[in-house]
Amino acid sequence: MEQSKINFIQKLEPKEVIPLFLEQTFRNITEEEMVKFLDILEVILGEIPIYKLYCDMSEEAVHLSYQTMKGENTDEN
């Protein structure tokens, strides 16, 4: 999620998601732990769409994210 004056949501590609997951999870892990993590992440990214929401603090932003996750938003960027 990122603050924005305009509400929109963007589906992310796996190559965009991996760095975001890494910077929000681990600091120092072993090579074996990294391999396990990447295996799990591969499964997650294969089954679950990942989005980045650009929004203000309005109710419209809430509806946009909800509708997108339910598959009702056809205007994703």
Protein backbone atom coordinates (compact mmCIF):
# COMPACT_ATOMS: atom_id res chain seq x y z
CA MET A 1 0.00 0.00 0.00
CA GLU A 2 1.24 3.48 -0.83
CA GLN A 3 -0.29 6.86 -0.20
CA SER A 4 -1.63 8.58 -3.32
CA LYS A 5 -4.04 11.37 -4.22
CA ILE A 6 -5.68 9.04 -6.76
CA ASN A 7 -7.02 5.61 -5.79
CA PHE A 8 -5.84 2.80 -8.04
CA ILE A 9 -4.62 -0.73 -7.72
CA GLN A 10 -1.93 -2.51 -9.70
CA LYS A 11 -1.38 -6.23 -10.05
CA LEU A 12 2.29 -6.99 -9.48
CA GLU A 13 4.44 -9.43 -11.42
CA PRO A 14 6.44 -12.00 -9.44
CA LYS A 15 9.70 -10.19 -10.27
CA GLU A 16 8.28 -7.09 -8.55
CA VAL A 17 6.98 -9.01 -5.53
CA ILE A 18 10.09 -10.98 -4.59
CA PRO A 19 12.17 -7.94 -3.49
CA LEU A 20 9.20 -6.61 -1.49
CA PHE A 21 8.82 -9.92 0.36
CA LEU A 22 12.55 -10.10 1.04
CA GLU A 23 12.86 -6.61 2.46
CA GLN A 24 9.86 -7.18 4.73
CA THR A 25 10.91 -10.58 6.08
CA PHE A 26 14.50 -11.67 6.54
CA ARG A 27 17.74 -9.94 7.45
CA ASN A 28 20.24 -12.77 7.94
CA ILE A 29 19.32 -16.26 6.78
CA THR A 30 21.30 -19.25 5.62
CA GLU A 31 21.38 -20.44 2.03
CA GLU A 32 19.21 -23.43 3.01
CA GLU A 33 16.62 -21.16 4.62
CA MET A 34 16.60 -18.91 1.53
CA VAL A 35 15.99 -21.90 -0.76
CA LYS A 36 13.06 -23.01 1.43
CA PHE A 37 11.68 -19.47 1.48
CA LEU A 38 11.90 -19.12 -2.31
CA ASP A 39 10.18 -22.49 -2.76
CA ILE A 40 7.29 -21.34 -0.56
CA LEU A 41 7.16 -17.96 -2.28
CA GLU A 42 6.97 -19.67 -5.67
CA VAL A 43 3.87 -21.58 -4.52
CA ILE A 44 2.28 -18.41 -3.10
CA LEU A 45 2.92 -16.38 -6.26
CA GLY A 46 1.57 -19.21 -8.42
CA GLU A 47 -1.73 -19.30 -6.56
CA ILE A 48 -2.40 -15.84 -5.13
CA PRO A 49 -2.46 -12.58 -7.09
CA ILE A 50 -0.49 -9.82 -5.37
CA TYR A 51 -1.54 -6.18 -5.71
CA LYS A 52 -0.19 -2.80 -4.71
CA LEU A 53 -2.83 -0.32 -3.64
CA TYR A 54 -2.22 3.39 -4.17
CA CYS A 55 -4.79 5.24 -2.12
CA ASP A 56 -5.94 8.07 0.07
CA MET A 57 -7.86 7.55 3.31
CA SER A 58 -11.28 7.40 1.67
CA GLU A 59 -13.98 4.78 1.71
CA GLU A 60 -13.55 4.59 -2.08
CA ALA A 61 -10.08 3.12 -1.54
CA VAL A 62 -11.54 0.42 0.69
CA HIS A 63 -14.13 -0.49 -1.92
CA LEU A 64 -11.51 -0.56 -4.69
CA SER A 65 -9.31 -3.05 -2.84
CA TYR A 66 -12.27 -5.21 -1.80
CA GLN A 67 -13.77 -5.32 -5.30
CA THR A 68 -10.38 -6.16 -6.83
CA MET A 69 -9.74 -9.02 -4.41
CA LYS A 70 -13.22 -10.41 -5.14
CA GLY A 71 -12.54 -10.20 -8.89
CA GLU A 72 -15.14 -7.50 -9.46
CA ASN A 73 -12.75 -4.71 -10.52
CA THR A 74 -12.05 -4.79 -14.23
CA ASP A 75 -10.18 -1.47 -14.32
CA GLU A 76 -6.90 -2.60 -12.69
CA ASN A 77 -3.74 -1.01 -14.02
